[in-house]
Amino acid sequence: MAVALKNDPGQVRQLVGNFDFAVVESCFDYDECGRFLPFIRRGKAVFLAEYEMRPDEFCERAIDLRFSAIRKSYDLFARPWEPCVSAAASAGRG
């Protein structure tokens, strides 16, 4: 079983070794994404959902940080959601 740290930027440095990945909401909106980079540096995933921002406002930065990111409605069962994909992936190269 994998264990995730969720929305706790203040304790990332202390807890990154105890968790397998991070689930983060609105870190670009709250200017907290950089605080989750210790996960990326250790080869661990960061899964991000943004609710207020449009994909063109955060996807490029999320891809640069190597976050797996989507834009989603607050209704967690709403569809569609919009994933961020790199230009290479969307062109079928990666």
C-alpha atoms as a PDB file:
ATOM      1  CA  MET A   1       0.000   0.000   0.000  1.00  0.00           C
ATOM      2  CA  ALA A   2       1.272   3.475  -0.890  1.00  0.00           C
ATOM      3  CA  VAL A   3       0.771   6.428   1.423  1.00  0.00           C
ATOM      4  CA  ALA A   4       0.287  10.046   0.274  1.00  0.00           C
ATOM      5  CA  LEU A   5       0.948  13.365   1.949  1.00  0.00           C
ATOM      6  CA  LYS A   6      -1.974  15.673   1.192  1.00  0.00           C
ATOM      7  CA  ASN A   7      -1.863  19.482   1.229  1.00  0.00           C
ATOM      8  CA  ASP A   8       0.786  19.927   3.921  1.00  0.00           C
ATOM      9  CA  PRO A   9       3.513  22.173   2.505  1.00  0.00           C
ATOM     10  CA  GLY A  10       4.726  23.175   5.954  1.00  0.00           C
ATOM     11  CA  GLN A  11       5.877  19.654   6.792  1.00  0.00           C
ATOM     12  CA  VAL A  12       7.122  18.386   3.410  1.00  0.00           C
ATOM     13  CA  ARG A  13      10.816  18.532   4.315  1.00  0.00           C
ATOM     14  CA  GLN A  14      10.276  16.623   7.560  1.00  0.00           C
ATOM     15  CA  LEU A  15       7.866  14.035   6.121  1.00  0.00           C
ATOM     16  CA  VAL A  16       8.961  13.394   2.509  1.00  0.00           C
ATOM     17  CA  GLY A  17      10.859  10.279   3.580  1.00  0.00           C
ATOM     18  CA  ASN A  18       7.730   8.778   5.150  1.00  0.00           C
ATOM     19  CA  PHE A  19       5.385   9.174   2.169  1.00  0.00           C
ATOM     20  CA  ASP A  20       5.319   7.659  -1.310  1.00  0.00           C
ATOM     21  CA  PHE A  21       3.787  10.625  -3.173  1.00  0.00           C
ATOM     22  CA  ALA A  22       1.968  13.911  -2.602  1.00  0.00           C
ATOM     23  CA  VAL A  23      -1.568  14.966  -3.500  1.00  0.00           C
ATOM     24  CA  VAL A  24      -1.804  18.729  -3.725  1.00  0.00           C
ATOM     25  CA  GLU A  25      -4.686  21.117  -4.366  1.00  0.00           C
ATOM     26  CA  SER A  26      -4.346  24.649  -5.704  1.00  0.00           C
ATOM     27  CA  CYS A  27      -0.632  25.023  -5.020  1.00  0.00           C
ATOM     28  CA  PHE A  28      -0.217  27.487  -7.893  1.00  0.00           C
ATOM     29  CA  ASP A  29      -3.219  29.443  -6.691  1.00  0.00           C
ATOM     30  CA  TYR A  30      -1.656  29.653  -3.205  1.00  0.00           C
ATOM     31  CA  ASP A  31       1.965  29.955  -4.445  1.00  0.00           C
ATOM     32  CA  GLU A  32       3.043  26.766  -2.614  1.00  0.00           C
ATOM     33  CA  CYS A  33       4.125  24.407  -5.410  1.00  0.00           C
ATOM     34  CA  GLY A  34       7.836  24.872  -4.834  1.00  0.00           C
ATOM     35  CA  ARG A  35       7.470  23.485  -1.342  1.00  0.00           C
ATOM     36  CA  PHE A  36       6.580  20.063  -2.813  1.00  0.00           C
ATOM     37  CA  LEU A  37       9.765  19.786  -4.887  1.00  0.00           C
ATOM     38  CA  PRO A  38      11.475  17.525  -2.312  1.00  0.00           C
ATOM     39  CA  PHE A  39       9.122  14.782  -3.548  1.00  0.00           C
ATOM     40  CA  ILE A  40      10.260  15.288  -7.138  1.00  0.00           C
ATOM     41  CA  ARG A  41      13.927  15.393  -6.096  1.00  0.00           C
ATOM     42  CA  ARG A  42      13.482  11.979  -4.462  1.00  0.00           C
ATOM     43  CA  GLY A  43      11.805  10.532  -7.548  1.00  0.00           C
ATOM     44  CA  LYS A  44       8.334  10.625  -5.992  1.00  0.00           C
ATOM     45  CA  ALA A  45       5.195  11.824  -7.760  1.00  0.00           C
ATOM     46  CA  VAL A  46       3.260  14.990  -7.044  1.00  0.00           C
ATOM     47  CA  PHE A  47      -0.371  14.900  -8.203  1.00  0.00           C
ATOM     48  CA  LEU A  48      -1.910  18.366  -8.467  1.00  0.00           C
ATOM     49  CA  ALA A  49      -5.496  19.553  -8.912  1.00  0.00           C
ATOM     50  CA  GLU A  50      -6.144  23.221  -9.616  1.00  0.00           C
ATOM     51  CA  TYR A  51      -9.702  24.484  -9.344  1.00  0.00           C
ATOM     52  CA  GLU A  52      -9.713  28.245  -9.965  1.00  0.00           C
ATOM     53  CA  MET A  53      -6.957  28.625 -12.558  1.00  0.00           C
ATOM     54  CA  ARG A  54      -7.289  27.793 -16.245  1.00  0.00           C
ATOM     55  CA  PRO A  55      -4.833  25.237 -17.691  1.00  0.00           C
ATOM     56  CA  ASP A  56      -3.067  27.947 -19.693  1.00  0.00           C
ATOM     57  CA  GLU A  57      -2.293  29.664 -16.371  1.00  0.00           C
ATOM     58  CA  PHE A  58      -0.540  26.712 -14.701  1.00  0.00           C
ATOM     59  CA  CYS A  59       0.064  23.700 -16.962  1.00  0.00           C
ATOM     60  CA  GLU A  60       3.364  24.819 -18.434  1.00  0.00           C
ATOM     61  CA  ARG A  61       4.775  25.470 -14.967  1.00  0.00           C
ATOM     62  CA  ALA A  62       3.384  22.164 -13.654  1.00  0.00           C
ATOM     63  CA  ILE A  63       5.028  20.260 -16.499  1.00  0.00           C
ATOM     64  CA  ASP A  64       8.321  22.094 -15.876  1.00  0.00           C
ATOM     65  CA  LEU A  65       8.150  21.017 -12.214  1.00  0.00           C
ATOM     66  CA  ARG A  66       7.323  17.431 -13.328  1.00  0.00           C
ATOM     67  CA  PHE A  67       3.981  17.477 -11.500  1.00  0.00           C
ATOM     68  CA  SER A  68       1.075  15.417 -12.813  1.00  0.00           C
ATOM     69  CA  ALA A  69      -1.608  18.110 -12.965  1.00  0.00           C
ATOM     70  CA  ILE A  70      -5.250  18.584 -13.877  1.00  0.00           C
ATOM     71  CA  ARG A  71      -7.841  21.337 -13.756  1.00  0.00           C
ATOM     72  CA  LYS A  72     -10.922  20.129 -11.978  1.00  0.00           C
ATOM     73  CA  SER A  73     -14.240  21.389 -10.715  1.00  0.00           C
ATOM     74  CA  TYR A  74     -14.855  21.492  -6.973  1.00  0.00           C
ATOM     75  CA  ASP A  75     -17.436  18.778  -7.583  1.00  0.00           C
ATOM     76  CA  LEU A  76     -15.034  15.862  -7.392  1.00  0.00           C
ATOM     77  CA  PHE A  77     -17.198  13.656  -9.610  1.00  0.00           C
ATOM     78  CA  ALA A  78     -17.666  16.300 -12.326  1.00  0.00           C
ATOM     79  CA  ARG A  79     -16.462  15.614 -15.835  1.00  0.00           C
ATOM     80  CA  PRO A  80     -14.649  16.511 -17.889  1.00  0.00           C
ATOM     81  CA  TRP A  81     -11.437  17.347 -16.111  1.00  0.00           C
ATOM     82  CA  GLU A  82      -8.554  18.815 -18.061  1.00  0.00           C
ATOM     83  CA  PRO A  83      -5.114  17.185 -17.784  1.00  0.00           C
ATOM     84  CA  CYS A  84      -1.892  19.037 -18.418  1.00  0.00           C
ATOM     85  CA  VAL A  85       0.138  17.358 -21.141  1.00  0.00           C
ATOM     86  CA  SER A  86       3.506  18.314 -22.558  1.00  0.00           C
ATOM     87  CA  ALA A  87       3.798  19.400 -26.164  1.00  0.00           C
ATOM     88  CA  ALA A  88       5.836  16.247 -26.877  1.00  0.00           C
ATOM     89  CA  ALA A  89       3.161  13.995 -25.372  1.00  0.00           C
ATOM     90  CA  SER A  90       0.338  15.721 -27.197  1.00  0.00           C
ATOM     91  CA  ALA A  91       2.270  15.327 -30.472  1.00  0.00           C
ATOM     92  CA  GLY A  92       2.676  11.603 -29.791  1.00  0.00           C
ATOM     93  CA  ARG A  93       6.383  11.791 -28.987  1.00  0.00           C
ATOM     94  CA  GLY A  94       6.384  11.124 -25.280  1.00  0.00           C
END
